[in-house]
N, C-alpha and C. Protein backbone atom coordinates (compact mmCIF):
# COMPACT_ATOMS: atom_id res chain seq x y z
N MET A 1 4.29 -7.62 -20.92
CA MET A 1 3.46 -6.48 -20.53
C MET A 1 2.73 -6.84 -19.24
N GLY A 2 2.76 -5.97 -18.24
CA GLY A 2 2.13 -6.23 -16.96
C GLY A 2 0.62 -6.09 -17.01
N LEU A 3 -0.03 -6.56 -15.96
CA LEU A 3 -1.48 -6.49 -15.90
C LEU A 3 -1.97 -5.05 -15.98
N ALA A 4 -1.33 -4.16 -15.25
CA ALA A 4 -1.79 -2.77 -15.25
C ALA A 4 -1.69 -2.15 -16.62
N SER A 5 -0.59 -2.35 -17.31
CA SER A 5 -0.43 -1.72 -18.62
C SER A 5 -1.32 -2.38 -19.66
N THR A 6 -1.66 -3.64 -19.46
CA THR A 6 -2.57 -4.31 -20.39
C THR A 6 -3.99 -3.85 -20.17
N LEU A 7 -4.38 -3.70 -18.91
CA LEU A 7 -5.76 -3.39 -18.58
C LEU A 7 -6.08 -1.91 -18.70
N PHE A 8 -5.16 -1.08 -18.32
CA PHE A 8 -5.43 0.35 -18.28
C PHE A 8 -4.82 1.05 -19.47
N ARG A 9 -5.60 1.83 -20.13
CA ARG A 9 -5.13 2.59 -21.27
C ARG A 9 -4.91 4.03 -20.84
N ARG A 10 -3.99 4.67 -21.49
CA ARG A 10 -3.74 6.08 -21.18
C ARG A 10 -4.92 6.91 -21.66
N THR A 11 -5.24 7.96 -20.90
CA THR A 11 -6.38 8.79 -21.22
C THR A 11 -5.99 9.98 -22.06
N SER A 12 -6.76 10.23 -23.08
CA SER A 12 -6.64 11.38 -23.98
C SER A 12 -5.20 11.72 -24.35
N SER A 13 -4.97 12.98 -24.57
CA SER A 13 -3.65 13.42 -25.02
C SER A 13 -2.68 13.66 -23.86
N THR A 14 -3.18 13.59 -22.62
CA THR A 14 -2.30 13.86 -21.48
C THR A 14 -1.32 12.72 -21.23
N GLY A 15 -1.69 11.52 -21.65
CA GLY A 15 -0.81 10.38 -21.44
C GLY A 15 -0.86 9.83 -20.03
N HIS A 16 -1.76 10.35 -19.20
CA HIS A 16 -1.87 9.88 -17.83
C HIS A 16 -2.95 8.81 -17.71
N TYR A 17 -2.77 7.92 -16.77
CA TYR A 17 -3.79 6.92 -16.49
C TYR A 17 -4.84 7.53 -15.58
N ASP A 18 -6.06 7.07 -15.71
CA ASP A 18 -7.15 7.51 -14.84
C ASP A 18 -6.82 7.03 -13.43
N SER A 19 -6.68 7.95 -12.49
CA SER A 19 -6.26 7.61 -11.13
C SER A 19 -7.26 6.69 -10.43
N THR A 20 -8.53 6.76 -10.81
CA THR A 20 -9.53 5.88 -10.23
C THR A 20 -9.17 4.42 -10.48
N TRP A 21 -8.78 4.14 -11.72
CA TRP A 21 -8.44 2.76 -12.07
C TRP A 21 -7.15 2.32 -11.41
N ILE A 22 -6.19 3.21 -11.30
CA ILE A 22 -4.93 2.86 -10.67
C ILE A 22 -5.17 2.50 -9.20
N GLN A 23 -5.97 3.30 -8.52
CA GLN A 23 -6.26 3.02 -7.11
C GLN A 23 -7.02 1.71 -6.98
N TYR A 24 -7.99 1.49 -7.85
CA TYR A 24 -8.75 0.24 -7.79
C TYR A 24 -7.83 -0.96 -8.01
N PHE A 25 -6.96 -0.85 -8.99
CA PHE A 25 -6.03 -1.94 -9.28
C PHE A 25 -5.16 -2.24 -8.07
N ALA A 26 -4.67 -1.20 -7.42
CA ALA A 26 -3.82 -1.38 -6.24
C ALA A 26 -4.59 -2.08 -5.12
N ASP A 27 -5.83 -1.65 -4.91
CA ASP A 27 -6.65 -2.27 -3.86
C ASP A 27 -6.95 -3.73 -4.17
N GLU A 28 -7.31 -4.01 -5.42
CA GLU A 28 -7.63 -5.39 -5.81
C GLU A 28 -6.41 -6.29 -5.70
N LYS A 29 -5.27 -5.77 -6.06
CA LYS A 29 -4.05 -6.57 -6.00
C LYS A 29 -3.72 -6.95 -4.55
N LYS A 30 -4.00 -6.03 -3.62
CA LYS A 30 -3.76 -6.32 -2.20
C LYS A 30 -4.72 -7.39 -1.67
N ASN A 31 -5.97 -7.32 -2.13
CA ASN A 31 -7.02 -8.17 -1.56
C ASN A 31 -7.20 -9.51 -2.26
N HIS A 32 -6.72 -9.64 -3.48
CA HIS A 32 -6.96 -10.85 -4.26
C HIS A 32 -5.70 -11.26 -5.00
N SER A 33 -5.64 -12.52 -5.30
CA SER A 33 -4.54 -13.02 -6.11
C SER A 33 -5.11 -13.45 -7.46
N PHE A 34 -4.91 -12.63 -8.46
CA PHE A 34 -5.40 -12.93 -9.80
C PHE A 34 -4.32 -13.69 -10.56
N THR A 35 -4.69 -14.84 -11.06
CA THR A 35 -3.72 -15.66 -11.80
C THR A 35 -3.86 -15.48 -13.30
N VAL A 36 -5.02 -15.00 -13.72
CA VAL A 36 -5.30 -14.83 -15.14
C VAL A 36 -5.78 -13.40 -15.36
N LEU A 37 -5.31 -12.78 -16.41
CA LEU A 37 -5.70 -11.41 -16.71
C LEU A 37 -7.21 -11.25 -16.80
N SER A 38 -7.88 -12.23 -17.37
CA SER A 38 -9.34 -12.13 -17.53
C SER A 38 -10.04 -12.04 -16.18
N GLU A 39 -9.50 -12.67 -15.14
CA GLU A 39 -10.09 -12.56 -13.80
C GLU A 39 -10.02 -11.13 -13.29
N LEU A 40 -8.90 -10.48 -13.50
CA LEU A 40 -8.75 -9.10 -13.07
C LEU A 40 -9.66 -8.19 -13.87
N LYS A 41 -9.72 -8.40 -15.17
CA LYS A 41 -10.61 -7.59 -16.01
C LYS A 41 -12.05 -7.73 -15.56
N ASP A 42 -12.49 -8.96 -15.30
CA ASP A 42 -13.86 -9.18 -14.83
C ASP A 42 -14.11 -8.46 -13.51
N ALA A 43 -13.15 -8.52 -12.60
CA ALA A 43 -13.30 -7.85 -11.30
C ALA A 43 -13.43 -6.34 -11.48
N VAL A 44 -12.64 -5.77 -12.37
CA VAL A 44 -12.71 -4.33 -12.62
C VAL A 44 -14.04 -3.96 -13.26
N TRP A 45 -14.43 -4.68 -14.30
CA TRP A 45 -15.69 -4.36 -14.99
C TRP A 45 -16.89 -4.52 -14.06
N ASP A 46 -16.84 -5.46 -13.14
CA ASP A 46 -17.94 -5.63 -12.19
C ASP A 46 -18.09 -4.43 -11.27
N LYS A 47 -17.01 -3.70 -11.04
CA LYS A 47 -17.04 -2.54 -10.15
C LYS A 47 -17.47 -1.25 -10.84
N ILE A 48 -17.49 -1.24 -12.16
CA ILE A 48 -17.83 -0.01 -12.89
C ILE A 48 -19.32 0.26 -12.77
N GLN A 49 -19.64 1.44 -12.31
CA GLN A 49 -21.03 1.85 -12.19
C GLN A 49 -21.57 2.26 -13.55
N PRO A 50 -22.79 1.88 -13.89
CA PRO A 50 -23.38 2.30 -15.16
C PRO A 50 -23.39 3.83 -15.32
N SER A 51 -23.55 4.55 -14.22
CA SER A 51 -23.56 6.02 -14.30
C SER A 51 -22.21 6.56 -14.77
N TYR A 52 -21.12 5.87 -14.41
CA TYR A 52 -19.79 6.29 -14.86
C TYR A 52 -19.67 6.14 -16.37
N LEU A 53 -20.11 5.01 -16.89
CA LEU A 53 -20.07 4.80 -18.34
C LEU A 53 -20.97 5.78 -19.07
N GLU A 54 -22.12 6.07 -18.46
CA GLU A 54 -23.05 7.02 -19.05
C GLU A 54 -22.43 8.42 -19.11
N SER A 55 -21.71 8.81 -18.07
CA SER A 55 -21.08 10.13 -18.07
C SER A 55 -19.99 10.22 -19.14
N LEU A 56 -19.28 9.12 -19.37
CA LEU A 56 -18.27 9.11 -20.44
C LEU A 56 -18.93 9.29 -21.80
N THR A 57 -20.04 8.59 -22.00
CA THR A 57 -20.76 8.68 -23.26
C THR A 57 -21.31 10.09 -23.46
N THR A 58 -21.88 10.65 -22.42
CA THR A 58 -22.47 11.98 -22.50
C THR A 58 -21.41 13.05 -22.79
N SER A 59 -20.24 12.91 -22.23
CA SER A 59 -19.20 13.92 -22.42
C SER A 59 -18.50 13.81 -23.78
N MET A 60 -18.72 12.72 -24.49
CA MET A 60 -18.01 12.51 -25.76
C MET A 60 -18.34 13.59 -26.79
N SER A 61 -19.60 13.98 -26.91
CA SER A 61 -19.93 14.99 -27.92
C SER A 61 -19.23 16.32 -27.63
N ASN A 62 -19.13 16.69 -26.35
CA ASN A 62 -18.41 17.91 -25.98
C ASN A 62 -16.94 17.80 -26.35
N ARG A 63 -16.35 16.65 -26.08
CA ARG A 63 -14.92 16.45 -26.39
C ARG A 63 -14.69 16.51 -27.89
N LEU A 64 -15.57 15.91 -28.67
CA LEU A 64 -15.43 15.96 -30.13
C LEU A 64 -15.52 17.40 -30.64
N CYS A 65 -16.41 18.18 -30.06
CA CYS A 65 -16.52 19.60 -30.45
C CYS A 65 -15.23 20.35 -30.12
N GLN A 66 -14.63 20.05 -28.97
CA GLN A 66 -13.37 20.69 -28.60
C GLN A 66 -12.27 20.36 -29.60
N VAL A 67 -12.22 19.12 -30.02
CA VAL A 67 -11.20 18.69 -31.00
C VAL A 67 -11.43 19.39 -32.33
N MET A 68 -12.69 19.47 -32.76
CA MET A 68 -12.99 20.13 -34.04
C MET A 68 -12.63 21.61 -33.99
N ARG A 69 -12.90 22.26 -32.85
CA ARG A 69 -12.53 23.67 -32.72
C ARG A 69 -11.02 23.84 -32.78
N LYS A 70 -10.31 22.96 -32.12
CA LYS A 70 -8.85 23.06 -32.08
C LYS A 70 -8.26 22.90 -33.47
N PHE A 71 -8.78 21.97 -34.24
CA PHE A 71 -8.23 21.70 -35.56
C PHE A 71 -9.01 22.42 -36.67
N GLU A 72 -9.92 23.31 -36.26
CA GLU A 72 -10.72 24.11 -37.19
C GLU A 72 -11.47 23.25 -38.19
N GLY A 73 -12.17 22.26 -37.69
CA GLY A 73 -12.98 21.40 -38.54
C GLY A 73 -12.73 19.94 -38.25
N PRO A 74 -13.37 19.09 -39.03
CA PRO A 74 -13.19 17.65 -38.82
C PRO A 74 -11.73 17.24 -38.97
N SER A 75 -11.32 16.28 -38.18
CA SER A 75 -9.95 15.79 -38.29
C SER A 75 -9.91 14.59 -39.22
N SER A 76 -8.74 14.09 -39.48
CA SER A 76 -8.60 12.95 -40.39
C SER A 76 -8.82 11.62 -39.68
N TYR A 77 -9.20 11.65 -38.41
CA TYR A 77 -9.40 10.40 -37.68
C TYR A 77 -10.64 9.73 -38.15
């Protein structure tokens, strides 16, 4: 399994990768030579802004409501 597929997970039901992470990965790969996956992970996590993580957390309740509406109630997850 390559670094990109190990580090980046597919988003939601669309099956697409977050383009922000793909671009960042491409830029980092050009500028640095990572020999260990943990080095790349650390580099990516260091670039994540707290506001980005906060927006993901904030949007979660809305997404859960959308899922409940679609399945007409709580899902089995």
